[in-house]
Amino acid sequence: MRRLQQFGQQGDVDPPTAIGIFRLNADAWVRGFLAIAVLYLVTSAFTLAKVIRDRQEAGQIVSRVDQARMEKLLAEHDPFERL
């Protein structure tokens, strides 16, 4: 059981899911297929979360660059300078 707890803590598969697949009354290839499907599902979820996070961070970087440009323009602007 300790090994299953360590396996679940890594974020790969929930231990009850692994136990349920292991104890399922089905052929070995069916259990193997379900195990691979669960791993694929978890991997896809992590990949999607990382892509969303990266896109959000990229948007923040562009926003910071635009903000820095605006601050530079405002710092250089002298309202009392004659045109």
Protein backbone atom coordinates (compact mmCIF):
# COMPACT_ATOMS: atom_id res chain seq x y z
CA MET A 1 0.00 0.00 0.00
CA ARG A 2 2.89 2.36 0.75
CA ARG A 3 4.13 1.92 -2.81
CA LEU A 4 0.71 2.90 -4.17
CA GLN A 5 0.65 5.99 -1.94
CA GLN A 6 4.05 7.07 -3.24
CA PHE A 7 2.88 6.39 -6.79
CA GLY A 8 -0.18 8.59 -6.27
CA GLN A 9 1.82 11.41 -4.67
CA GLN A 10 3.81 11.85 -7.84
CA GLY A 11 0.61 13.03 -9.51
CA ASP A 12 0.58 10.21 -12.05
CA VAL A 13 -2.54 8.23 -11.14
CA ASP A 14 -4.85 8.30 -8.16
CA PRO A 15 -4.24 5.12 -6.06
CA PRO A 16 -7.93 4.11 -5.97
CA THR A 17 -7.97 4.31 -9.79
CA ALA A 18 -4.91 2.07 -10.02
CA ILE A 19 -6.40 -0.38 -7.51
CA GLY A 20 -9.72 -0.39 -9.35
CA ILE A 21 -8.09 -1.12 -12.67
CA PHE A 22 -5.90 -3.82 -11.12
CA ARG A 23 -8.85 -5.57 -9.41
CA LEU A 24 -11.19 -5.30 -12.39
CA ASN A 25 -12.67 -8.61 -13.55
CA ALA A 26 -11.41 -8.34 -17.11
CA ASP A 27 -8.64 -9.67 -19.28
CA ALA A 28 -5.15 -8.31 -18.79
CA TRP A 29 -5.23 -6.44 -22.12
CA VAL A 30 -8.41 -4.61 -21.06
CA ARG A 31 -6.83 -3.57 -17.75
CA GLY A 32 -3.68 -2.51 -19.60
CA PHE A 33 -5.71 -0.49 -22.07
CA LEU A 34 -7.55 1.29 -19.25
CA ALA A 35 -4.29 2.01 -17.44
CA ILE A 36 -2.74 3.51 -20.57
CA ALA A 37 -5.91 5.55 -21.18
CA VAL A 38 -5.76 6.99 -17.66
CA LEU A 39 -2.09 7.86 -18.07
CA TYR A 40 -2.87 9.54 -21.41
CA LEU A 41 -5.70 11.51 -19.80
CA VAL A 42 -3.47 12.74 -16.97
CA THR A 43 -0.65 13.62 -19.36
CA SER A 44 -3.05 15.54 -21.61
CA ALA A 45 -4.43 17.48 -18.65
CA PHE A 46 -0.93 18.50 -17.52
CA THR A 47 0.05 19.49 -21.05
CA LEU A 48 -3.07 21.61 -21.45
CA ALA A 49 -2.45 23.31 -18.10
CA LYS A 50 1.14 24.12 -19.07
CA VAL A 51 0.11 25.53 -22.45
CA ILE A 52 -2.51 27.76 -20.84
CA ARG A 53 0.01 28.92 -18.22
CA ASP A 54 2.65 29.68 -20.87
CA ARG A 55 0.19 31.69 -22.97
CA GLN A 56 -0.86 33.66 -19.92
CA GLU A 57 2.77 34.39 -18.98
CA ALA A 58 3.54 35.47 -22.55
CA GLY A 59 0.65 37.92 -22.40
CA GLN A 60 1.95 39.32 -19.14
CA ILE A 61 5.42 39.85 -20.62
CA VAL A 62 3.98 41.77 -23.59
CA SER A 63 1.90 43.83 -21.19
CA ARG A 64 4.99 44.64 -19.11
CA VAL A 65 6.94 45.74 -22.18
CA ASP A 66 4.08 48.00 -23.27
CA GLN A 67 3.83 49.43 -19.77
CA ALA A 68 7.58 50.12 -19.67
CA ARG A 69 7.39 51.94 -23.02
CA MET A 70 4.52 54.08 -21.78
CA GLU A 71 6.37 54.94 -18.57
CA LYS A 72 9.44 55.93 -20.59
CA LEU A 73 7.39 58.20 -22.84
CA LEU A 74 5.70 59.83 -19.85
CA ALA A 75 9.04 60.31 -18.07
CA GLU A 76 10.57 61.96 -21.15
CA HIS A 77 7.57 64.21 -21.79
CA ASP A 78 7.93 67.78 -20.53
CA PRO A 79 4.54 69.56 -20.52
CA PHE A 80 6.24 72.96 -20.27
CA GLU A 81 8.43 72.55 -23.32
CA ARG A 82 7.59 74.87 -26.21
CA LEU A 83 6.71 73.21 -29.44
